[in-house]
Amino acid sequence: MQNHGDKVIADLKTQANYLRRQSLTMIYRRQAGHPGGCLSAADIVAALYFKVLRIDPKKPDWEDRDHFILSKGHASALLYSALARRGYFTESELEHWGKLECQLQGHPDRLKTPGVDMTSGILGHGIAIGLGLSLAARLQKRDYHTYVLLGDGECQGGIIWESANACAKFNPGNLIAIVDYNDVQLDGAVHDIMPMEPFADKWRSFRWEVISIDGHDMGQILSALEDAASMTRRPVVIIARTVKGKGVSFMENKAQWHGIPPNEEQYAAAMAELSGEGS
């Protein structure tokens, strides 16, 4: 495992904490959204947007950029927070999230929002679109990677595995999937509703390289992403074990926080914890 330095790790943790607070603020302000999955994936998204992705906010359509697909599009508050933080648009735009005709729709829309590479809404399409982008890079002789962030509940859908099988045929060595494996979905635990284990073996059976990590350990996240980018023979999936609602004790591992906003009291308590006042 590579040594990334204490400062790099600390800075990325700070960015992840910012993304958690900003996402929760957006969800509270709008009184709609999906806090649990935003909080669980914040460390992964922070590592991508503030360290790994080769992108340029001043040139959102740069043809040689790395591509990022939020397949679990209901976590749009997290993506928009990262895009604003990176400078794709001003942070004041976040206040308009979900309003009619604004550029920040409830689910990401690549035709409306700078920095969005796939319009998402119906779950399960990220791997298929990611494969298409990866093959386009091959045909055009471009040197970019495509990263796809999936939810574990999303992986219950058959289209994920059809796409994984197609990847086994075309071997896109520039495609990296990351699964936010928090084991909680809308109605309860993933392992109760539709168990996915042996999850890693499923991906291996489709000839994917598999890396398993703690999705809240920034060092492991960075090392996994670096290792995945160096594997060019096959597509790679990073299975990141995470905690639904990470960082807010009363939200952690609770299915009810998949898709409901906090009230005023809950929001204040959550922000206090995320600011270090509750520890």
Foldseek 3Di string as FASTA:
>chain_A
DDDPDPVVQVVLVVQLLQLLLQLQVLCQLVQWAFNQVLNFQSSLVSCCLVPNWQADLVCLVPPQTAAEAALVQSSLSSVVSSSCVRPNDDPVLSSCACPPPALHHSGHDPVRGRNHDDGYDDHDCQLVVQVVSLVVCVVVVHDYAYEYEEEPLSVVDPSNLVSLLVQLVVFRLRYEYEYSDAQEEQPAGCCVPPNCPVVQVSSVVSVAAEAEEASVRSVSSNVVVVVSNVGRRHYYYYYHHTWGNPQQVVRTRDSNSRIGRDHPVSSVSSVCSSVVNVD
